[in-house]
Amino acid sequence: MKHHIPDEIRKNCFDCFKSLNEAERAVVMFGEEEYRKSLDLDNDDAECWKIPSGESTTFVGWNPICVPTMEYIVWKLERREQIAKGEIY
């Protein structure tokens, strides 16, 4: 299934990947829906729910990982460009 890649990402031929983390790159490559499916969010034992500290003796439920959206990625890239131009700090 094809997904829409915003112009902000296309304009630099994916050069923006240097500024994105692994999750954000996956969203760009596969689309938001496919990325969310890959996390297996409905499975309580899925890797995405494991807390990085390894804690498992207390409540183990929500691991506050970022599930980025395309809108957030575009916002991040636009903001990065504004900082580079000195428009914002």
N, C-alpha and C. Protein backbone atom coordinates (compact mmCIF):
# COMPACT_ATOMS: atom_id res chain seq x y z
N MET A 1 0.83 -1.16 0.00
CA MET A 1 0.00 0.00 0.00
C MET A 1 0.89 1.25 0.00
N LYS A 2 0.61 2.16 -0.89
CA LYS A 2 1.37 3.40 -0.96
C LYS A 2 0.80 4.38 0.06
N HIS A 3 1.66 5.23 0.55
CA HIS A 3 1.22 6.27 1.46
C HIS A 3 1.79 7.61 1.00
N HIS A 4 1.20 8.68 1.48
CA HIS A 4 1.61 10.02 1.09
C HIS A 4 2.89 10.42 1.82
N ILE A 5 3.85 10.92 1.06
CA ILE A 5 5.08 11.45 1.64
C ILE A 5 5.06 12.96 1.42
N PRO A 6 5.01 13.74 2.50
CA PRO A 6 4.91 15.19 2.38
C PRO A 6 6.08 15.82 1.62
N ASP A 7 5.81 16.97 1.02
CA ASP A 7 6.83 17.68 0.25
C ASP A 7 8.04 18.06 1.10
N GLU A 8 7.81 18.35 2.36
CA GLU A 8 8.92 18.70 3.26
C GLU A 8 9.97 17.60 3.31
N ILE A 9 9.54 16.37 3.19
CA ILE A 9 10.46 15.23 3.19
C ILE A 9 11.02 14.99 1.80
N ARG A 10 10.19 15.11 0.79
CA ARG A 10 10.62 14.87 -0.60
C ARG A 10 11.62 15.90 -1.11
N LYS A 11 11.51 17.14 -0.65
CA LYS A 11 12.31 18.21 -1.26
C LYS A 11 13.81 17.99 -1.15
N ASN A 12 14.26 17.30 -0.15
CA ASN A 12 15.69 17.05 0.02
C ASN A 12 16.04 15.59 -0.26
N CYS A 13 15.20 14.91 -1.00
CA CYS A 13 15.44 13.51 -1.38
C CYS A 13 15.83 12.66 -0.17
N PHE A 14 15.06 12.77 0.88
CA PHE A 14 15.23 11.97 2.09
C PHE A 14 16.51 12.30 2.85
N ASP A 15 17.15 13.42 2.55
CA ASP A 15 18.31 13.86 3.30
C ASP A 15 17.94 14.11 4.76
N CYS A 16 16.66 14.32 5.01
CA CYS A 16 16.18 14.59 6.36
C CYS A 16 16.37 13.39 7.28
N PHE A 17 16.65 12.22 6.73
CA PHE A 17 16.80 11.03 7.57
C PHE A 17 17.89 11.21 8.61
N LYS A 18 18.85 12.07 8.35
CA LYS A 18 19.91 12.32 9.32
C LYS A 18 19.36 12.95 10.60
N SER A 19 18.21 13.62 10.49
CA SER A 19 17.62 14.31 11.63
C SER A 19 16.53 13.51 12.32
N LEU A 20 16.21 12.34 11.80
CA LEU A 20 15.11 11.56 12.35
C LEU A 20 15.62 10.35 13.12
N ASN A 21 14.88 9.96 14.13
CA ASN A 21 15.24 8.75 14.87
C ASN A 21 14.68 7.52 14.13
N GLU A 22 14.95 6.36 14.65
CA GLU A 22 14.56 5.11 13.98
C GLU A 22 13.05 5.01 13.76
N ALA A 23 12.27 5.38 14.77
CA ALA A 23 10.82 5.30 14.65
C ALA A 23 10.30 6.27 13.59
N GLU A 24 10.85 7.48 13.57
CA GLU A 24 10.41 8.48 12.59
C GLU A 24 10.77 8.05 11.17
N ARG A 25 11.95 7.46 10.98
CA ARG A 25 12.33 6.97 9.66
C ARG A 25 11.38 5.86 9.21
N ALA A 26 11.00 5.00 10.13
CA ALA A 26 10.08 3.90 9.80
C ALA A 26 8.72 4.44 9.36
N VAL A 27 8.24 5.50 10.02
CA VAL A 27 6.96 6.09 9.63
C VAL A 27 7.06 6.65 8.22
N VAL A 28 8.17 7.31 7.89
CA VAL A 28 8.34 7.86 6.55
C VAL A 28 8.39 6.74 5.51
N MET A 29 9.12 5.69 5.81
CA MET A 29 9.29 4.60 4.85
C MET A 29 8.03 3.76 4.66
N PHE A 30 7.33 3.44 5.74
CA PHE A 30 6.22 2.50 5.66
C PHE A 30 4.85 3.13 5.81
N GLY A 31 4.79 4.35 6.31
CA GLY A 31 3.50 4.99 6.57
C GLY A 31 3.10 4.77 8.02
N GLU A 32 2.26 5.66 8.52
CA GLU A 32 1.86 5.60 9.92
C GLU A 32 1.15 4.29 10.28
N GLU A 33 0.19 3.88 9.46
CA GLU A 33 -0.59 2.68 9.76
C GLU A 33 0.29 1.43 9.81
N GLU A 34 1.15 1.27 8.83
CA GLU A 34 2.01 0.09 8.80
C GLU A 34 2.98 0.08 9.98
N TYR A 35 3.49 1.26 10.33
CA TYR A 35 4.39 1.33 11.49
C TYR A 35 3.66 0.93 12.76
N ARG A 36 2.46 1.44 12.95
CA ARG A 36 1.67 1.10 14.14
C ARG A 36 1.39 -0.41 14.18
N LYS A 37 1.09 -1.00 13.02
CA LYS A 37 0.85 -2.45 12.97
C LYS A 37 2.11 -3.21 13.38
N SER A 38 3.26 -2.72 12.97
CA SER A 38 4.52 -3.42 13.28
C SER A 38 4.82 -3.42 14.78
N LEU A 39 4.26 -2.47 15.51
CA LEU A 39 4.50 -2.41 16.96
C LEU A 39 3.70 -3.45 17.72
N ASP A 40 2.65 -3.99 17.12
CA ASP A 40 1.80 -4.99 17.75
C ASP A 40 1.22 -4.44 19.06
N LEU A 41 0.62 -3.27 18.98
CA LEU A 41 0.12 -2.57 20.16
C LEU A 41 -0.97 -3.32 20.92
N ASP A 42 -1.66 -4.23 20.27
CA ASP A 42 -2.73 -4.98 20.94
C ASP A 42 -2.22 -6.14 21.78
N ASN A 43 -0.97 -6.49 21.61
CA ASN A 43 -0.38 -7.61 22.34
C ASN A 43 0.34 -7.07 23.57
N ASP A 44 -0.16 -7.41 24.76
CA ASP A 44 0.42 -6.91 26.01
C ASP A 44 1.86 -7.37 26.22
N ASP A 45 2.28 -8.45 25.58
CA ASP A 45 3.63 -8.95 25.74
C ASP A 45 4.58 -8.50 24.63
N ALA A 46 4.11 -7.62 23.77
CA ALA A 46 4.92 -7.16 22.63
C ALA A 46 6.16 -6.40 23.11
N GLU A 47 7.16 -6.40 22.29
CA GLU A 47 8.43 -5.74 22.60
C GLU A 47 8.25 -4.24 22.88
N CYS A 48 7.32 -3.61 22.21
CA CYS A 48 7.15 -2.17 22.36
C CYS A 48 6.69 -1.77 23.76
N TRP A 49 6.15 -2.70 24.54
CA TRP A 49 5.67 -2.38 25.88
C TRP A 49 6.72 -2.63 26.95
N LYS A 50 7.83 -3.24 26.61
CA LYS A 50 8.85 -3.53 27.62
C LYS A 50 9.55 -2.25 28.05
N ILE A 51 9.65 -2.06 29.33
CA ILE A 51 10.26 -0.85 29.86
C ILE A 51 11.77 -0.98 29.75
N PRO A 52 12.45 0.05 29.23
CA PRO A 52 13.89 -0.02 29.00
C PRO A 52 14.71 -0.39 30.25
N SER A 53 14.24 -0.05 31.43
CA SER A 53 14.98 -0.35 32.66
C SER A 53 14.92 -1.84 33.00
N GLY A 54 14.00 -2.56 32.36
CA GLY A 54 13.85 -3.97 32.65
C GLY A 54 12.93 -4.24 33.83
N GLU A 55 12.39 -3.21 34.43
CA GLU A 55 11.50 -3.33 35.58
C GLU A 55 10.30 -4.19 35.22
N SER A 56 10.03 -5.19 36.05
CA SER A 56 8.86 -6.02 35.79
C SER A 56 8.19 -6.50 37.06
N THR A 57 8.64 -6.00 38.21
CA THR A 57 8.04 -6.45 39.47
C THR A 57 6.85 -5.59 39.89
N THR A 58 6.73 -4.42 39.31
CA THR A 58 5.59 -3.55 39.62
C THR A 58 4.72 -3.46 38.37
N PHE A 59 3.88 -2.47 38.32
CA PHE A 59 3.00 -2.31 37.17
C PHE A 59 3.80 -2.22 35.88
N VAL A 60 3.52 -3.10 34.96
CA VAL A 60 4.15 -3.07 33.64
C VAL A 60 3.02 -2.92 32.65
N GLY A 61 2.86 -1.74 32.14
CA GLY A 61 1.76 -1.51 31.22
C GLY A 61 2.16 -0.53 30.15
N TRP A 62 2.18 0.71 30.47
CA TRP A 62 2.44 1.72 29.46
C TRP A 62 3.91 2.09 29.45
N ASN A 63 4.54 1.84 28.35
CA ASN A 63 5.91 2.29 28.12
C ASN A 63 5.78 3.54 27.27
N PRO A 64 6.13 4.69 27.78
CA PRO A 64 5.87 5.93 27.04
C PRO A 64 6.78 6.11 25.83
N ILE A 65 6.68 5.19 24.89
CA ILE A 65 7.45 5.32 23.66
C ILE A 65 6.72 6.28 22.74
N CYS A 66 7.45 6.91 21.90
CA CYS A 66 6.85 7.84 20.95
C CYS A 66 6.39 7.08 19.72
N VAL A 67 5.14 7.25 19.38
CA VAL A 67 4.62 6.71 18.13
C VAL A 67 4.40 7.94 17.25
N PRO A 68 5.42 8.31 16.47
CA PRO A 68 5.34 9.57 15.72
C PRO A 68 4.33 9.54 14.59
N THR A 69 3.84 10.73 14.27
CA THR A 69 2.94 10.88 13.13
C THR A 69 3.67 11.65 12.04
N MET A 70 3.16 11.60 10.84
CA MET A 70 3.77 12.32 9.73
C MET A 70 3.73 13.83 10.01
N GLU A 71 2.65 14.31 10.62
CA GLU A 71 2.53 15.73 10.95
C GLU A 71 3.64 16.16 11.90
N TYR A 72 3.91 15.33 12.91
CA TYR A 72 4.98 15.65 13.86
C TYR A 72 6.33 15.70 13.15
N ILE A 73 6.58 14.75 12.27
CA ILE A 73 7.86 14.70 11.56
C ILE A 73 8.04 15.95 10.70
N VAL A 74 6.99 16.36 9.99
CA VAL A 74 7.07 17.58 9.17
C VAL A 74 7.31 18.79 10.07
N TRP A 75 6.61 18.88 11.19
CA TRP A 75 6.81 19.97 12.14
C TRP A 75 8.25 20.00 12.62
N LYS A 76 8.80 18.86 12.97
CA LYS A 76 10.17 18.77 13.45
C LYS A 76 11.17 19.25 12.39
N LEU A 77 10.96 18.83 11.15
CA LEU A 77 11.87 19.22 10.08
C LEU A 77 11.75 20.72 9.76
N GLU A 78 10.53 21.24 9.76
CA GLU A 78 10.35 22.68 9.53
C GLU A 78 11.00 23.49 10.64
N ARG A 79 10.83 23.04 11.86
CA ARG A 79 11.44 23.73 13.01
C ARG A 79 12.96 23.68 12.93
N ARG A 80 13.50 22.55 12.55
CA ARG A 80 14.96 22.41 12.40
C ARG A 80 15.49 23.40 11.36
N GLU A 81 14.75 23.55 10.27
CA GLU A 81 15.15 24.49 9.22
C GLU A 81 15.09 25.93 9.74
N GLN A 82 14.07 26.26 10.52
CA GLN A 82 13.96 27.61 11.08
C GLN A 82 15.11 27.90 12.04
N ILE A 83 15.51 26.91 12.82
CA ILE A 83 16.64 27.08 13.74
C ILE A 83 17.91 27.31 12.95
N ALA A 84 18.12 26.54 11.89
CA ALA A 84 19.32 26.68 11.06
C ALA A 84 19.40 28.07 10.43
N LYS A 85 18.25 28.64 10.06
CA LYS A 85 18.22 29.97 9.45
C LYS A 85 18.31 31.08 10.49
N GLY A 86 18.24 30.74 11.78
CA GLY A 86 18.29 31.74 12.85
C GLY A 86 16.97 32.42 13.09
N GLU A 87 15.89 31.86 12.55
CA GLU A 87 14.56 32.47 12.74
C GLU A 87 14.02 32.19 14.13
N ILE A 88 14.36 31.06 14.70
CA ILE A 88 13.97 30.74 16.08
C ILE A 88 15.17 30.11 16.77
N TYR A 89 15.11 30.09 18.09
CA TYR A 89 16.23 29.54 18.87
C TYR A 89 15.81 28.35 19.67
